[in-house]
Amino acid sequence: KRFRILVIGNANAGKTTIVEKVCHAQGREPVYLNVSDLNSKLEPSASRGNHEIEHQFQYPTAHGFVFHDSCGFEAGGAVELQKVKDFIENRAKGGQLKDQLHAIWYCLPTSNDRGMTNAEMSLFESGTGNVPIIAIFTKMDALDQVARNQLMFNDDDLSCEEIEEQVPNLAKAMFQEKYLKRLEEVKHKPRYVVLLRDMNKEDTNCDELIVRTSQALDRDTLKLFCLSILRINIDSRIKQVINR
């Protein structure tokens, strides 16, 4: 059995960190299933090798998860978008469930000033067929810092405690205006939106991402399989799906 996920995101979108945390595989090397050229592995930096979306990899700590990587649409533009669309279509024709694409994780960092570009929004306009897409906004702590700086420079009368109290609400308002508002206008909205922050810290996890992914699935068997792969806190995760 395999739960197949396409991970999309530009350089520095946090894809490596997310996949490693989901699989509880921090510091481990991925295992490529059918590839001799490993230049396509996810790299946590702006300098990355050539990507081949058909290359599939997994981690020994979570054998049931199989991942594919796409470098996003900023650099490749229309060419990369077509590759993703072809990949989704071809996987939909897979005869066996294990060979089909089950979910898409689209990683969008909030650590830049420009928000989401039209190229990054293109997948939400073209659609992904029956495959659910989860929009993952990474590096939300960077948006917290932007809010903190704004409060510090715009109001000298605020104490440090008052600033920290106001940061969450201001960061949330910034996110809604800069990112969420745009998603509400697209033709094909993501099934769920997940916000991740402080992913560089050891005590953070991606539990919400796993739960939301399972909830986005149409088949109950896939929902439970998605949750059971990790074999960690399984009972509580299954209850969340059953009682949703």
C-alpha atoms as a PDB file:
ATOM      1  CA  LYS A   1       0.000   0.000   0.000  1.00  0.00           C
ATOM      2  CA  ARG A   2       1.179   3.500  -0.828  1.00  0.00           C
ATOM      3  CA  PHE A   3      -0.231   6.937  -0.186  1.00  0.00           C
ATOM      4  CA  ARG A   4       1.100   9.114  -2.993  1.00  0.00           C
ATOM      5  CA  ILE A   5       1.630  12.862  -2.529  1.00  0.00           C
ATOM      6  CA  LEU A   6       2.844  15.497  -4.971  1.00  0.00           C
ATOM      7  CA  VAL A   7       4.735  18.254  -3.130  1.00  0.00           C
ATOM      8  CA  ILE A   8       4.847  21.561  -4.997  1.00  0.00           C
ATOM      9  CA  GLY A   9       6.801  24.662  -4.063  1.00  0.00           C
ATOM     10  CA  ASN A  10       9.493  27.072  -5.153  1.00  0.00           C
ATOM     11  CA  ALA A  11      12.959  27.138  -3.619  1.00  0.00           C
ATOM     12  CA  ASN A  12      12.975  27.877   0.115  1.00  0.00           C
ATOM     13  CA  ALA A  13       9.283  27.059   0.476  1.00  0.00           C
ATOM     14  CA  GLY A  14      10.051  24.633   3.314  1.00  0.00           C
ATOM     15  CA  LYS A  15       9.219  21.401   1.480  1.00  0.00           C
ATOM     16  CA  THR A  16      12.091  19.371   2.886  1.00  0.00           C
ATOM     17  CA  THR A  17      11.326  20.317   6.465  1.00  0.00           C
ATOM     18  CA  ILE A  18       7.641  19.470   6.068  1.00  0.00           C
ATOM     19  CA  VAL A  19       8.236  16.058   4.501  1.00  0.00           C
ATOM     20  CA  GLU A  20      10.871  15.142   7.076  1.00  0.00           C
ATOM     21  CA  LYS A  21       8.639  16.153   9.986  1.00  0.00           C
ATOM     22  CA  VAL A  22       5.652  14.295   8.571  1.00  0.00           C
ATOM     23  CA  CYS A  23       7.774  11.161   8.254  1.00  0.00           C
ATOM     24  CA  HIS A  24       9.661  11.754  11.520  1.00  0.00           C
ATOM     25  CA  ALA A  25      12.819  11.560   9.460  1.00  0.00           C
ATOM     26  CA  GLN A  26      14.820  14.660  10.363  1.00  0.00           C
ATOM     27  CA  GLY A  27      18.383  14.203   9.188  1.00  0.00           C
ATOM     28  CA  ARG A  28      17.664  11.006   7.266  1.00  0.00           C
ATOM     29  CA  GLU A  29      18.226  10.541   3.553  1.00  0.00           C
ATOM     30  CA  PRO A  30      15.238   9.716   1.345  1.00  0.00           C
ATOM     31  CA  VAL A  31      15.122   6.416  -0.524  1.00  0.00           C
ATOM     32  CA  TYR A  32      14.465   6.672  -4.259  1.00  0.00           C
ATOM     33  CA  LEU A  33      12.340   3.822  -5.541  1.00  0.00           C
ATOM     34  CA  ASN A  34      13.126   3.729  -9.256  1.00  0.00           C
ATOM     35  CA  VAL A  35      15.767   6.348  -9.973  1.00  0.00           C
ATOM     36  CA  SER A  36      19.509   6.104 -10.455  1.00  0.00           C
ATOM     37  CA  ASP A  37      20.019   9.849 -10.820  1.00  0.00           C
ATOM     38  CA  LEU A  38      19.452  11.490  -7.440  1.00  0.00           C
ATOM     39  CA  ASN A  39      19.942  15.089  -8.585  1.00  0.00           C
ATOM     40  CA  SER A  40      16.224  15.705  -8.181  1.00  0.00           C
ATOM     41  CA  LYS A  41      16.083  15.291  -4.401  1.00  0.00           C
ATOM     42  CA  LEU A  42      14.501  18.107  -2.426  1.00  0.00           C
ATOM     43  CA  GLU A  43      17.089  20.633  -1.314  1.00  0.00           C
ATOM     44  CA  PRO A  44      16.518  23.175   1.486  1.00  0.00           C
ATOM     45  CA  SER A  45      18.218  25.956  -0.474  1.00  0.00           C
ATOM     46  CA  ALA A  46      17.818  28.086  -3.553  1.00  0.00           C
ATOM     47  CA  SER A  47      20.368  26.086  -5.556  1.00  0.00           C
ATOM     48  CA  ARG A  48      18.619  22.906  -6.642  1.00  0.00           C
ATOM     49  CA  GLY A  49      19.199  20.215  -9.213  1.00  0.00           C
ATOM     50  CA  ASN A  50      16.991  19.340 -12.131  1.00  0.00           C
ATOM     51  CA  HIS A  51      13.552  18.128 -11.120  1.00  0.00           C
ATOM     52  CA  GLU A  52      11.803  15.121 -12.562  1.00  0.00           C
ATOM     53  CA  ILE A  53       8.262  14.913 -11.298  1.00  0.00           C
ATOM     54  CA  GLU A  54       8.025  11.170 -12.008  1.00  0.00           C
ATOM     55  CA  HIS A  55      10.847  10.390  -9.587  1.00  0.00           C
ATOM     56  CA  GLN A  56       9.367   8.933  -6.410  1.00  0.00           C
ATOM     57  CA  PHE A  57      10.950   8.727  -2.984  1.00  0.00           C
ATOM     58  CA  GLN A  58      10.080   7.799   0.581  1.00  0.00           C
ATOM     59  CA  TYR A  59      11.625   7.600   4.038  1.00  0.00           C
ATOM     60  CA  PRO A  60      12.280   4.384   6.011  1.00  0.00           C
ATOM     61  CA  THR A  61      10.351   5.860   8.945  1.00  0.00           C
ATOM     62  CA  ALA A  62       7.118   6.100   6.923  1.00  0.00           C
ATOM     63  CA  HIS A  63       7.161   3.488   4.167  1.00  0.00           C
ATOM     64  CA  GLY A  64       3.537   4.049   3.197  1.00  0.00           C
ATOM     65  CA  PHE A  65       4.112   7.621   2.059  1.00  0.00           C
ATOM     66  CA  VAL A  66       5.495   8.085  -1.452  1.00  0.00           C
ATOM     67  CA  PHE A  67       6.410  11.592  -2.558  1.00  0.00           C
ATOM     68  CA  HIS A  68       6.916  13.343  -5.879  1.00  0.00           C
ATOM     69  CA  ASP A  69       8.498  16.786  -6.156  1.00  0.00           C
ATOM     70  CA  SER A  70       7.656  19.749  -8.377  1.00  0.00           C
ATOM     71  CA  CYS A  71       9.730  22.928  -8.248  1.00  0.00           C
ATOM     72  CA  GLY A  72       6.729  25.239  -8.466  1.00  0.00           C
ATOM     73  CA  PHE A  73       5.716  27.604 -11.213  1.00  0.00           C
ATOM     74  CA  GLU A  74       7.767  30.728 -10.717  1.00  0.00           C
ATOM     75  CA  ALA A  75      10.854  29.520 -12.570  1.00  0.00           C
ATOM     76  CA  GLY A  76       9.331  27.015 -14.981  1.00  0.00           C
ATOM     77  CA  GLY A  77       6.142  28.969 -15.662  1.00  0.00           C
ATOM     78  CA  ALA A  78       3.779  27.440 -18.176  1.00  0.00           C
ATOM     79  CA  VAL A  79       6.135  24.531 -18.911  1.00  0.00           C
ATOM     80  CA  GLU A  80       6.205  23.352 -15.301  1.00  0.00           C
ATOM     81  CA  LEU A  81       2.452  23.846 -14.937  1.00  0.00           C
ATOM     82  CA  GLN A  82       1.873  21.606 -17.949  1.00  0.00           C
ATOM     83  CA  LYS A  83       4.179  18.968 -16.457  1.00  0.00           C
ATOM     84  CA  VAL A  84       2.105  18.977 -13.281  1.00  0.00           C
ATOM     85  CA  LYS A  85      -1.180  18.802 -15.184  1.00  0.00           C
ATOM     86  CA  ASP A  86       0.113  15.894 -17.309  1.00  0.00           C
ATOM     87  CA  PHE A  87       1.369  14.110 -14.200  1.00  0.00           C
ATOM     88  CA  ILE A  88      -2.007  14.466 -12.461  1.00  0.00           C
ATOM     89  CA  GLU A  89      -3.855  13.247 -15.544  1.00  0.00           C
ATOM     90  CA  ASN A  90      -1.565  10.267 -16.087  1.00  0.00           C
ATOM     91  CA  ARG A  91      -1.741   9.195 -12.457  1.00  0.00           C
ATOM     92  CA  ALA A  92      -5.546   9.412 -12.579  1.00  0.00           C
ATOM     93  CA  LYS A  93      -5.444   6.675 -15.215  1.00  0.00           C
ATOM     94  CA  GLY A  94      -3.535   4.329 -12.919  1.00  0.00           C
ATOM     95  CA  GLY A  95      -5.305   1.014 -12.593  1.00  0.00           C
ATOM     96  CA  GLN A  96      -4.251   0.275  -9.018  1.00  0.00           C
ATOM     97  CA  LEU A  97      -5.006   2.575  -6.124  1.00  0.00           C
ATOM     98  CA  LYS A  98      -1.378   2.600  -4.987  1.00  0.00           C
ATOM     99  CA  ASP A  99      -0.267   4.047  -8.332  1.00  0.00           C
ATOM    100  CA  GLN A 100      -2.746   6.912  -8.321  1.00  0.00           C
ATOM    101  CA  LEU A 101      -2.053  10.389  -6.958  1.00  0.00           C
ATOM    102  CA  HIS A 102      -3.944  10.853  -3.694  1.00  0.00           C
ATOM    103  CA  ALA A 103      -3.146  14.393  -2.581  1.00  0.00           C
ATOM    104  CA  ILE A 104      -1.215  17.553  -3.469  1.00  0.00           C
ATOM    105  CA  TRP A 105       0.655  19.671  -0.933  1.00  0.00           C
ATOM    106  CA  TYR A 106       1.283  23.146  -2.323  1.00  0.00           C
ATOM    107  CA  CYS A 107       3.852  24.974  -0.180  1.00  0.00           C
ATOM    108  CA  LEU A 108       3.666  28.773  -0.254  1.00  0.00           C
ATOM    109  CA  PRO A 109       6.092  30.742   1.956  1.00  0.00           C
ATOM    110  CA  THR A 110       4.935  33.919   3.668  1.00  0.00           C
ATOM    111  CA  SER A 111       8.510  35.136   4.187  1.00  0.00           C
ATOM    112  CA  ASN A 112       8.597  37.364   1.107  1.00  0.00           C
ATOM    113  CA  ASP A 113       7.191  40.825   0.426  1.00  0.00           C
ATOM    114  CA  ARG A 114       5.431  40.123  -2.851  1.00  0.00           C
ATOM    115  CA  GLY A 115       2.686  37.744  -1.717  1.00  0.00           C
ATOM    116  CA  MET A 116       1.531  35.166  -4.271  1.00  0.00           C
ATOM    117  CA  THR A 117       2.369  35.719  -7.933  1.00  0.00           C
ATOM    118  CA  ASN A 118       0.032  34.967 -10.836  1.00  0.00           C
ATOM    119  CA  ALA A 119       2.313  32.055 -11.734  1.00  0.00           C
ATOM    120  CA  GLU A 120       1.906  30.568  -8.263  1.00  0.00           C
ATOM    121  CA  MET A 121      -1.859  30.978  -8.515  1.00  0.00           C
ATOM    122  CA  SER A 122      -2.045  29.239 -11.895  1.00  0.00           C
ATOM    123  CA  LEU A 123      -2.678  25.770 -10.451  1.00  0.00           C
ATOM    124  CA  PHE A 124      -5.713  27.033  -8.581  1.00  0.00           C
ATOM    125  CA  GLU A 125      -7.066  28.409 -11.836  1.00  0.00           C
ATOM    126  CA  SER A 126      -6.447  25.289 -13.933  1.00  0.00           C
ATOM    127  CA  GLY A 127      -7.599  22.814 -11.284  1.00  0.00           C
ATOM    128  CA  THR A 128      -6.354  19.371 -10.241  1.00  0.00           C
ATOM    129  CA  GLY A 129      -9.266  17.120 -11.177  1.00  0.00           C
ATOM    130  CA  ASN A 130     -10.358  14.841  -8.341  1.00  0.00           C
ATOM    131  CA  VAL A 131      -7.067  15.148  -6.470  1.00  0.00           C
ATOM    132  CA  PRO A 132      -7.448  17.348  -3.372  1.00  0.00           C
ATOM    133  CA  ILE A 133      -4.950  20.137  -2.952  1.00  0.00           C
ATOM    134  CA  ILE A 134      -3.874  21.417   0.455  1.00  0.00           C
ATOM    135  CA  ALA A 135      -2.454  24.947   0.470  1.00  0.00           C
ATOM    136  CA  ILE A 136       0.360  25.026   3.034  1.00  0.00           C
ATOM    137  CA  PHE A 137       1.503  28.482   4.048  1.00  0.00           C
ATOM    138  CA  THR A 138       4.968  28.089   5.520  1.00  0.00           C
ATOM    139  CA  LYS A 139       7.185  30.367   7.594  1.00  0.00           C
ATOM    140  CA  MET A 140       4.269  32.096   9.280  1.00  0.00           C
ATOM    141  CA  ASP A 141       6.704  33.160  12.007  1.00  0.00           C
ATOM    142  CA  ALA A 142       8.228  35.527   9.429  1.00  0.00           C
ATOM    143  CA  LEU A 143       4.833  37.206   9.112  1.00  0.00           C
ATOM    144  CA  ASP A 144       4.717  37.466  12.906  1.00  0.00           C
ATOM    145  CA  GLN A 145       8.001  39.360  12.775  1.00  0.00           C
ATOM    146  CA  VAL A 146       6.656  41.738  10.120  1.00  0.00           C
ATOM    147  CA  ALA A 147       3.683  42.476  12.356  1.00  0.00           C
ATOM    148  CA  ARG A 148       5.974  42.936  15.350  1.00  0.00           C
ATOM    149  CA  ASN A 149       8.172  45.402  13.474  1.00  0.00           C
ATOM    150  CA  GLN A 150       5.159  47.371  12.279  1.00  0.00           C
ATOM    151  CA  LEU A 151       3.826  47.713  15.812  1.00  0.00           C
ATOM    152  CA  MET A 152       7.234  48.756  17.141  1.00  0.00           C
ATOM    153  CA  PHE A 153       7.770  51.492  14.563  1.00  0.00           C
ATOM    154  CA  ASN A 154       4.206  52.765  14.304  1.00  0.00           C
ATOM    155  CA  ASP A 155       3.378  53.135  17.981  1.00  0.00           C
ATOM    156  CA  ASP A 156       6.084  54.235  20.411  1.00  0.00           C
ATOM    157  CA  ASP A 157       3.662  54.125  23.337  1.00  0.00           C
ATOM    158  CA  LEU A 158       3.213  50.362  23.261  1.00  0.00           C
ATOM    159  CA  SER A 159       5.131  48.300  25.804  1.00  0.00           C
ATOM    160  CA  CYS A 160       6.872  45.083  24.815  1.00  0.00           C
ATOM    161  CA  GLU A 161       4.091  43.095  26.455  1.00  0.00           C
ATOM    162  CA  GLU A 162       1.413  45.024  24.571  1.00  0.00           C
ATOM    163  CA  ILE A 163       3.238  44.522  21.291  1.00  0.00           C
ATOM    164  CA  GLU A 164       3.427  40.771  21.815  1.00  0.00           C
ATOM    165  CA  GLU A 165      -0.272  40.673  22.659  1.00  0.00           C
ATOM    166  CA  GLN A 166      -1.172  42.427  19.407  1.00  0.00           C
ATOM    167  CA  VAL A 167       1.185  40.528  17.098  1.00  0.00           C
ATOM    168  CA  PRO A 168      -1.094  37.483  16.499  1.00  0.00           C
ATOM    169  CA  ASN A 169      -4.122  39.577  15.488  1.00  0.00           C
ATOM    170  CA  LEU A 170      -2.114  41.875  13.213  1.00  0.00           C
ATOM    171  CA  ALA A 171      -0.296  38.928  11.575  1.00  0.00           C
ATOM    172  CA  LYS A 172      -3.641  37.215  11.004  1.00  0.00           C
ATOM    173  CA  ALA A 173      -5.066  40.363   9.377  1.00  0.00           C
ATOM    174  CA  MET A 174      -1.978  40.638   7.157  1.00  0.00           C
ATOM    175  CA  PHE A 175      -2.323  37.012   6.097  1.00  0.00           C
ATOM    176  CA  GLN A 176      -5.998  37.377   5.269  1.00  0.00           C
ATOM    177  CA  GLU A 177      -5.411  40.481   3.174  1.00  0.00           C
ATOM    178  CA  LYS A 178      -2.255  39.355   1.404  1.00  0.00           C
ATOM    179  CA  TYR A 179      -2.880  35.641   0.888  1.00  0.00           C
ATOM    180  CA  LEU A 180      -6.270  34.302   1.930  1.00  0.00           C
ATOM    181  CA  LYS A 181      -8.176  36.985   0.048  1.00  0.00           C
ATOM    182  CA  ARG A 182      -6.530  35.896  -3.195  1.00  0.00           C
ATOM    183  CA  LEU A 183      -7.416  32.263  -2.627  1.00  0.00           C
ATOM    184  CA  GLU A 184     -11.055  33.196  -2.208  1.00  0.00           C
ATOM    185  CA  GLU A 185     -11.050  34.579  -5.742  1.00  0.00           C
ATOM    186  CA  VAL A 186      -9.618  31.562  -7.580  1.00  0.00           C
ATOM    187  CA  LYS A 187     -11.674  29.175  -9.690  1.00  0.00           C
ATOM    188  CA  HIS A 188     -10.541  26.004  -7.901  1.00  0.00           C
ATOM    189  CA  LYS A 189     -10.068  26.621  -4.200  1.00  0.00           C
ATOM    190  CA  PRO A 190      -7.809  24.385  -2.109  1.00  0.00           C
ATOM    191  CA  ARG A 191      -9.634  21.779  -0.045  1.00  0.00           C
ATOM    192  CA  TYR A 192      -7.934  23.055   3.105  1.00  0.00           C
ATOM    193  CA  VAL A 193      -5.471  25.739   4.163  1.00  0.00           C
ATOM    194  CA  VAL A 194      -2.787  24.852   6.715  1.00  0.00           C
ATOM    195  CA  LEU A 195      -0.557  27.417   8.422  1.00  0.00           C
ATOM    196  CA  LEU A 196       2.887  26.346   9.638  1.00  0.00           C
ATOM    197  CA  ARG A 197       5.268  28.346  11.791  1.00  0.00           C
ATOM    198  CA  ASP A 198       8.531  27.751  13.671  1.00  0.00           C
ATOM    199  CA  MET A 199       9.193  24.593  11.681  1.00  0.00           C
ATOM    200  CA  ASN A 200      12.905  24.957  12.386  1.00  0.00           C
ATOM    201  CA  LYS A 201      12.238  24.073  16.033  1.00  0.00           C
ATOM    202  CA  GLU A 202      12.396  20.456  17.174  1.00  0.00           C
ATOM    203  CA  ASP A 203       9.130  20.517  19.113  1.00  0.00           C
ATOM    204  CA  THR A 204       6.944  21.534  16.150  1.00  0.00           C
ATOM    205  CA  ASN A 205       5.076  19.009  14.008  1.00  0.00           C
ATOM    206  CA  CYS A 206       2.809  18.638  10.992  1.00  0.00           C
ATOM    207  CA  ASP A 207      -0.049  16.796  12.677  1.00  0.00           C
ATOM    208  CA  GLU A 208      -2.631  19.289  11.411  1.00  0.00           C
ATOM    209  CA  LEU A 209      -1.417  18.748   7.847  1.00  0.00           C
ATOM    210  CA  ILE A 210      -1.918  14.978   8.152  1.00  0.00           C
ATOM    211  CA  VAL A 211      -5.385  15.375   9.644  1.00  0.00           C
ATOM    212  CA  ARG A 212      -6.444  17.899   6.997  1.00  0.00           C
ATOM    213  CA  THR A 213      -5.083  15.683   4.245  1.00  0.00           C
ATOM    214  CA  SER A 214      -7.099  12.744   5.512  1.00  0.00           C
ATOM    215  CA  GLN A 215     -10.227  14.897   5.779  1.00  0.00           C
ATOM    216  CA  ALA A 216      -9.760  16.062   2.188  1.00  0.00           C
ATOM    217  CA  LEU A 217      -9.969  12.501   0.851  1.00  0.00           C
ATOM    218  CA  ASP A 218     -13.186  11.084  -0.567  1.00  0.00           C
ATOM    219  CA  ARG A 219     -12.621   7.467   0.451  1.00  0.00           C
ATOM    220  CA  ASP A 220     -12.765   6.414   4.101  1.00  0.00           C
ATOM    221  CA  THR A 221     -10.228   3.651   3.508  1.00  0.00           C
ATOM    222  CA  LEU A 222      -7.729   6.192   2.230  1.00  0.00           C
ATOM    223  CA  LYS A 223      -8.435   8.499   5.155  1.00  0.00           C
ATOM    224  CA  LEU A 224      -7.582   5.845   7.698  1.00  0.00           C
ATOM    225  CA  PHE A 225      -4.616   4.559   5.707  1.00  0.00           C
ATOM    226  CA  CYS A 226      -3.182   8.087   5.496  1.00  0.00           C
ATOM    227  CA  LEU A 227      -3.411   8.459   9.261  1.00  0.00           C
ATOM    228  CA  SER A 228      -2.179   4.975  10.118  1.00  0.00           C
ATOM    229  CA  ILE A 229       1.054   5.198   8.133  1.00  0.00           C
ATOM    230  CA  LEU A 230       2.865   7.134  10.812  1.00  0.00           C
ATOM    231  CA  ARG A 231       1.948   4.683  13.608  1.00  0.00           C
ATOM    232  CA  ILE A 232       2.281   7.511  16.155  1.00  0.00           C
ATOM    233  CA  ASN A 233      -0.699   8.745  18.189  1.00  0.00           C
ATOM    234  CA  ILE A 234      -2.867   6.775  15.783  1.00  0.00           C
ATOM    235  CA  ASP A 235      -5.892   6.443  18.059  1.00  0.00           C
ATOM    236  CA  SER A 236      -6.339  10.179  18.525  1.00  0.00           C
ATOM    237  CA  ARG A 237      -5.916  10.883  14.806  1.00  0.00           C
ATOM    238  CA  ILE A 238      -8.425   8.244  13.735  1.00  0.00           C
ATOM    239  CA  LYS A 239     -10.973   9.621  16.218  1.00  0.00           C
ATOM    240  CA  GLN A 240     -10.637  13.062  14.649  1.00  0.00           C
ATOM    241  CA  VAL A 241     -11.575  11.628  11.243  1.00  0.00           C
ATOM    242  CA  ILE A 242     -14.429   9.463  12.515  1.00  0.00           C
ATOM    243  CA  ASN A 243     -15.938  12.258  14.638  1.00  0.00           C
ATOM    244  CA  ARG A 244     -15.472  15.100  12.161  1.00  0.00           C
END
